[in-house]
Amino acid sequence: MAFKPPYYAVIFTNLRTDQDPDYTITAHEMEELAKLQPGYLGFESARDILGITISYWESLDDIANWKSNIEHLAAQQRGIEDWYKWYKVRICRVEREYEFFKKAEGS
């Protein structure tokens, strides 16, 4: 996943509660809804004990529009009430990126 800088990353770090009613379904629905938003670039997520989800956007306005999406607002409220013990959101401007790929053996 490579985007042309500069772009923005929204880093959502969280600790979940033991309650899980509809969490997986809602998380998938939000991922699919985000893909339809203007300025959406991509998404990465990992979870062990700590969950980290990063979404990538073209502009701060695109991020603000996503944050205020009515369905996303409902999911955010549900997260506060049921799914998260704690969370933090960071919004960062990505100025530069690089990556590494190991070559397959025999290549």
N, C-alpha and C. Protein backbone atom coordinates (compact mmCIF):
# COMPACT_ATOMS: atom_id res chain seq x y z
N MET A 1 0.85 -1.16 0.00
CA MET A 1 0.00 0.00 0.00
C MET A 1 0.90 1.23 0.00
N ALA A 2 0.97 1.91 -1.11
CA ALA A 2 1.81 3.11 -1.21
C ALA A 2 0.97 4.25 -1.77
N PHE A 3 1.06 5.38 -1.12
CA PHE A 3 0.35 6.57 -1.55
C PHE A 3 1.38 7.67 -1.78
N LYS A 4 1.03 8.63 -2.60
CA LYS A 4 1.94 9.73 -2.88
C LYS A 4 1.83 10.78 -1.78
N PRO A 5 2.90 10.97 -0.99
CA PRO A 5 2.88 11.99 0.05
C PRO A 5 2.80 13.39 -0.57
N PRO A 6 2.30 14.36 0.18
CA PRO A 6 1.79 14.20 1.53
C PRO A 6 0.34 13.70 1.53
N TYR A 7 0.01 12.97 2.58
CA TYR A 7 -1.35 12.51 2.84
C TYR A 7 -1.47 12.40 4.36
N TYR A 8 -2.64 11.99 4.84
CA TYR A 8 -2.88 11.97 6.28
C TYR A 8 -3.21 10.57 6.76
N ALA A 9 -2.80 10.30 7.99
CA ALA A 9 -3.09 9.02 8.64
C ALA A 9 -3.86 9.31 9.93
N VAL A 10 -4.96 8.58 10.11
CA VAL A 10 -5.71 8.63 11.36
C VAL A 10 -5.40 7.32 12.08
N ILE A 11 -4.74 7.43 13.22
CA ILE A 11 -4.32 6.25 13.99
C ILE A 11 -5.27 6.11 15.18
N PHE A 12 -6.02 5.03 15.19
CA PHE A 12 -6.98 4.76 16.25
C PHE A 12 -6.44 3.58 17.06
N THR A 13 -6.00 3.86 18.29
CA THR A 13 -5.44 2.86 19.19
C THR A 13 -6.44 2.62 20.30
N ASN A 14 -6.67 1.35 20.67
CA ASN A 14 -7.73 1.09 21.64
C ASN A 14 -7.52 -0.18 22.45
N LEU A 15 -8.20 -0.22 23.59
CA LEU A 15 -8.35 -1.42 24.40
C LEU A 15 -9.82 -1.74 24.46
N ARG A 16 -10.17 -2.97 24.14
CA ARG A 16 -11.57 -3.39 24.08
C ARG A 16 -12.09 -3.85 25.44
N THR A 17 -13.39 -3.74 25.60
CA THR A 17 -14.07 -4.35 26.74
C THR A 17 -14.30 -5.83 26.42
N ASP A 18 -14.92 -6.54 27.33
CA ASP A 18 -15.28 -7.93 27.08
C ASP A 18 -16.59 -8.04 26.30
N GLN A 19 -17.28 -6.93 26.13
CA GLN A 19 -18.55 -6.94 25.40
C GLN A 19 -18.28 -6.93 23.90
N ASP A 20 -18.99 -7.78 23.17
CA ASP A 20 -18.74 -7.88 21.73
C ASP A 20 -20.01 -7.93 20.90
N PRO A 21 -21.16 -7.42 21.39
CA PRO A 21 -22.36 -7.52 20.56
C PRO A 21 -22.21 -6.66 19.30
N ASP A 22 -22.20 -7.33 18.17
CA ASP A 22 -22.17 -6.67 16.86
C ASP A 22 -20.87 -5.95 16.53
N TYR A 23 -19.83 -6.08 17.33
CA TYR A 23 -18.59 -5.33 17.07
C TYR A 23 -18.00 -5.69 15.71
N THR A 24 -17.82 -6.97 15.45
CA THR A 24 -17.18 -7.41 14.21
C THR A 24 -17.99 -6.97 12.99
N ILE A 25 -19.30 -7.10 13.08
CA ILE A 25 -20.17 -6.69 11.97
C ILE A 25 -20.05 -5.18 11.75
N THR A 26 -20.11 -4.41 12.83
CA THR A 26 -20.04 -2.95 12.70
C THR A 26 -18.67 -2.51 12.19
N ALA A 27 -17.61 -3.13 12.68
CA ALA A 27 -16.27 -2.77 12.21
C ALA A 27 -16.15 -3.01 10.71
N HIS A 28 -16.66 -4.11 10.22
CA HIS A 28 -16.63 -4.40 8.79
C HIS A 28 -17.49 -3.38 8.02
N GLU A 29 -18.66 -3.06 8.53
CA GLU A 29 -19.52 -2.07 7.88
C GLU A 29 -18.84 -0.70 7.81
N MET A 30 -18.13 -0.30 8.87
CA MET A 30 -17.44 0.99 8.88
C MET A 30 -16.29 0.99 7.88
N GLU A 31 -15.59 -0.13 7.78
CA GLU A 31 -14.51 -0.22 6.80
C GLU A 31 -15.06 -0.06 5.38
N GLU A 32 -16.15 -0.72 5.09
CA GLU A 32 -16.76 -0.63 3.76
C GLU A 32 -17.32 0.78 3.50
N LEU A 33 -17.91 1.40 4.51
CA LEU A 33 -18.44 2.76 4.37
C LEU A 33 -17.31 3.76 4.15
N ALA A 34 -16.22 3.60 4.89
CA ALA A 34 -15.07 4.50 4.74
C ALA A 34 -14.54 4.48 3.30
N LYS A 35 -14.52 3.30 2.70
CA LYS A 35 -14.02 3.17 1.32
C LYS A 35 -14.82 4.01 0.33
N LEU A 36 -16.06 4.33 0.66
CA LEU A 36 -16.92 5.10 -0.23
C LEU A 36 -16.78 6.61 -0.03
N GLN A 37 -16.03 7.02 0.98
CA GLN A 37 -15.92 8.44 1.31
C GLN A 37 -14.91 9.14 0.41
N PRO A 38 -15.20 10.39 0.01
CA PRO A 38 -14.22 11.17 -0.75
C PRO A 38 -12.92 11.29 0.03
N GLY A 39 -11.81 11.11 -0.68
CA GLY A 39 -10.49 11.27 -0.07
C GLY A 39 -9.94 10.05 0.63
N TYR A 40 -10.71 8.97 0.72
CA TYR A 40 -10.24 7.75 1.38
C TYR A 40 -9.15 7.12 0.52
N LEU A 41 -8.06 6.70 1.16
CA LEU A 41 -6.95 6.08 0.45
C LEU A 41 -6.74 4.61 0.82
N GLY A 42 -6.92 4.26 2.09
CA GLY A 42 -6.67 2.89 2.49
C GLY A 42 -6.82 2.69 3.98
N PHE A 43 -6.50 1.46 4.41
CA PHE A 43 -6.82 1.02 5.77
C PHE A 43 -5.88 -0.11 6.16
N GLU A 44 -5.40 -0.09 7.40
CA GLU A 44 -4.61 -1.18 7.96
C GLU A 44 -5.06 -1.38 9.41
N SER A 45 -5.03 -2.63 9.87
CA SER A 45 -5.48 -2.89 11.23
C SER A 45 -4.75 -4.09 11.80
N ALA A 46 -4.51 -4.04 13.11
CA ALA A 46 -3.89 -5.17 13.82
C ALA A 46 -4.46 -5.20 15.23
N ARG A 47 -4.61 -6.41 15.78
CA ARG A 47 -5.12 -6.54 17.14
C ARG A 47 -4.46 -7.73 17.81
N ASP A 48 -3.96 -7.47 19.00
CA ASP A 48 -3.57 -8.52 19.93
C ASP A 48 -4.35 -8.13 21.19
N ILE A 49 -3.70 -7.61 22.18
CA ILE A 49 -4.40 -7.02 23.32
C ILE A 49 -4.77 -5.58 22.97
N LEU A 50 -3.82 -4.88 22.38
CA LEU A 50 -4.01 -3.51 21.94
C LEU A 50 -4.44 -3.53 20.46
N GLY A 51 -5.48 -2.78 20.13
CA GLY A 51 -5.91 -2.67 18.74
C GLY A 51 -5.39 -1.39 18.12
N ILE A 52 -4.92 -1.49 16.88
CA ILE A 52 -4.46 -0.32 16.15
C ILE A 52 -5.06 -0.37 14.76
N THR A 53 -5.79 0.67 14.42
CA THR A 53 -6.37 0.80 13.09
C THR A 53 -5.90 2.12 12.52
N ILE A 54 -5.40 2.07 11.30
CA ILE A 54 -4.92 3.28 10.63
C ILE A 54 -5.68 3.43 9.33
N SER A 55 -6.30 4.58 9.17
CA SER A 55 -6.93 4.89 7.88
C SER A 55 -6.16 6.05 7.26
N TYR A 56 -6.10 6.05 5.93
CA TYR A 56 -5.31 7.03 5.19
C TYR A 56 -6.23 7.89 4.34
N TRP A 57 -5.95 9.20 4.34
CA TRP A 57 -6.84 10.18 3.70
C TRP A 57 -6.04 11.22 2.94
N GLU A 58 -6.68 11.81 1.94
CA GLU A 58 -6.03 12.85 1.14
C GLU A 58 -5.92 14.18 1.87
N SER A 59 -6.92 14.51 2.72
CA SER A 59 -6.91 15.84 3.36
C SER A 59 -7.55 15.81 4.75
N LEU A 60 -7.31 16.88 5.50
CA LEU A 60 -7.94 17.03 6.81
C LEU A 60 -9.45 17.20 6.67
N ASP A 61 -9.89 17.86 5.61
CA ASP A 61 -11.34 18.01 5.37
C ASP A 61 -11.99 16.65 5.15
N ASP A 62 -11.32 15.76 4.42
CA ASP A 62 -11.86 14.41 4.21
C ASP A 62 -12.00 13.67 5.53
N ILE A 63 -11.03 13.83 6.41
CA ILE A 63 -11.08 13.19 7.73
C ILE A 63 -12.24 13.76 8.55
N ALA A 64 -12.41 15.07 8.53
CA ALA A 64 -13.50 15.70 9.27
C ALA A 64 -14.86 15.24 8.75
N ASN A 65 -14.98 15.11 7.44
CA ASN A 65 -16.23 14.64 6.86
C ASN A 65 -16.52 13.20 7.27
N TRP A 66 -15.49 12.36 7.31
CA TRP A 66 -15.68 10.97 7.75
C TRP A 66 -16.08 10.93 9.22
N LYS A 67 -15.41 11.72 10.05
CA LYS A 67 -15.73 11.74 11.47
C LYS A 67 -17.18 12.14 11.72
N SER A 68 -17.73 13.02 10.87
CA SER A 68 -19.09 13.49 11.08
C SER A 68 -20.14 12.70 10.30
N ASN A 69 -19.74 11.64 9.60
CA ASN A 69 -20.70 10.79 8.89
C ASN A 69 -21.68 10.21 9.91
N ILE A 70 -22.96 10.28 9.63
CA ILE A 70 -24.00 9.89 10.60
C ILE A 70 -23.88 8.44 11.05
N GLU A 71 -23.57 7.54 10.13
CA GLU A 71 -23.42 6.13 10.51
C GLU A 71 -22.15 5.92 11.33
N HIS A 72 -21.10 6.66 10.98
CA HIS A 72 -19.85 6.58 11.73
C HIS A 72 -20.04 7.15 13.14
N LEU A 73 -20.81 8.24 13.25
CA LEU A 73 -21.10 8.81 14.57
C LEU A 73 -21.82 7.81 15.46
N ALA A 74 -22.78 7.07 14.89
CA ALA A 74 -23.50 6.06 15.67
C ALA A 74 -22.55 4.96 16.13
N ALA A 75 -21.63 4.54 15.26
CA ALA A 75 -20.66 3.50 15.64
C ALA A 75 -19.71 4.03 16.72
N GLN A 76 -19.32 5.30 16.62
CA GLN A 76 -18.45 5.89 17.64
C GLN A 76 -19.15 5.87 19.00
N GLN A 77 -20.42 6.24 19.03
CA GLN A 77 -21.18 6.23 20.28
C GLN A 77 -21.28 4.83 20.85
N ARG A 78 -21.53 3.87 20.00
CA ARG A 78 -21.61 2.47 20.43
C ARG A 78 -20.27 2.01 21.01
N GLY A 79 -19.18 2.48 20.40
CA GLY A 79 -17.85 2.15 20.92
C GLY A 79 -17.64 2.67 22.33
N ILE A 80 -18.06 3.90 22.56
CA ILE A 80 -17.94 4.51 23.90
C ILE A 80 -18.78 3.76 24.91
N GLU A 81 -19.99 3.39 24.52
CA GLU A 81 -20.92 2.74 25.44
C GLU A 81 -20.58 1.27 25.70
N ASP A 82 -20.12 0.55 24.67
CA ASP A 82 -20.01 -0.91 24.79
C ASP A 82 -18.62 -1.50 24.53
N TRP A 83 -17.91 -1.03 23.55
CA TRP A 83 -16.78 -1.80 23.03
C TRP A 83 -15.41 -1.42 23.54
N TYR A 84 -15.20 -0.18 24.00
CA TYR A 84 -13.85 0.27 24.34
C TYR A 84 -13.72 0.64 25.82
N LYS A 85 -12.62 0.19 26.42
CA LYS A 85 -12.23 0.65 27.75
C LYS A 85 -11.49 1.98 27.63
N TRP A 86 -10.75 2.10 26.54
CA TRP A 86 -9.91 3.28 26.31
C TRP A 86 -9.62 3.36 24.82
N TYR A 87 -9.49 4.59 24.33
CA TYR A 87 -8.98 4.77 22.98
C TYR A 87 -8.30 6.12 22.84
N LYS A 88 -7.47 6.22 21.82
CA LYS A 88 -6.79 7.46 21.48
C LYS A 88 -6.79 7.58 19.96
N VAL A 89 -7.00 8.79 19.47
CA VAL A 89 -6.95 9.06 18.03
C VAL A 89 -5.83 10.06 17.78
N ARG A 90 -5.00 9.73 16.81
CA ARG A 90 -3.93 10.63 16.38
C ARG A 90 -4.12 10.91 14.89
N ILE A 91 -3.95 12.15 14.50
CA ILE A 91 -4.03 12.51 13.09
C ILE A 91 -2.67 13.07 12.69
N CYS A 92 -2.08 12.45 11.70
CA CYS A 92 -0.71 12.77 11.31
C CYS A 92 -0.61 13.06 9.82
N ARG A 93 0.25 13.97 9.47
CA ARG A 93 0.55 14.24 8.06
C ARG A 93 1.76 13.39 7.69
N VAL A 94 1.63 12.59 6.67
CA VAL A 94 2.72 11.74 6.21
C VAL A 94 3.48 12.52 5.13
N GLU A 95 4.73 12.82 5.42
CA GLU A 95 5.58 13.59 4.50
C GLU A 95 6.39 12.69 3.58
N ARG A 96 6.69 11.48 4.07
CA ARG A 96 7.58 10.60 3.32
C ARG A 96 7.28 9.18 3.73
N GLU A 97 7.49 8.25 2.81
CA GLU A 97 7.34 6.84 3.14
C GLU A 97 8.33 6.02 2.33
N TYR A 98 8.68 4.87 2.85
CA TYR A 98 9.49 3.90 2.12
C TYR A 98 9.16 2.53 2.66
N GLU A 99 9.52 1.49 1.92
CA GLU A 99 9.20 0.14 2.35
C GLU A 99 10.26 -0.84 1.87
N PHE A 100 10.22 -2.04 2.39
CA PHE A 100 11.17 -3.11 2.08
C PHE A 100 10.40 -4.37 1.74
N PHE A 101 10.86 -5.09 0.74
CA PHE A 101 10.32 -6.41 0.40
C PHE A 101 11.48 -7.38 0.27
N LYS A 102 11.42 -8.48 0.98
CA LYS A 102 12.43 -9.52 0.86
C LYS A 102 12.17 -10.29 -0.43
N LYS A 103 13.22 -10.50 -1.21
CA LYS A 103 13.08 -11.28 -2.43
C LYS A 103 12.86 -12.74 -2.09
N ALA A 104 12.05 -13.40 -2.89
CA ALA A 104 11.82 -14.84 -2.70
C ALA A 104 13.12 -15.59 -3.00
N GLU A 105 13.32 -16.69 -2.28
CA GLU A 105 14.52 -17.49 -2.51
C GLU A 105 14.54 -17.97 -3.94
N GLY A 106 15.74 -17.95 -4.55
CA GLY A 106 15.90 -18.37 -5.93
C GLY A 106 15.66 -17.27 -6.93
N SER A 107 15.32 -16.08 -6.45
CA SER A 107 15.07 -14.97 -7.39
C SER A 107 16.34 -14.20 -7.66
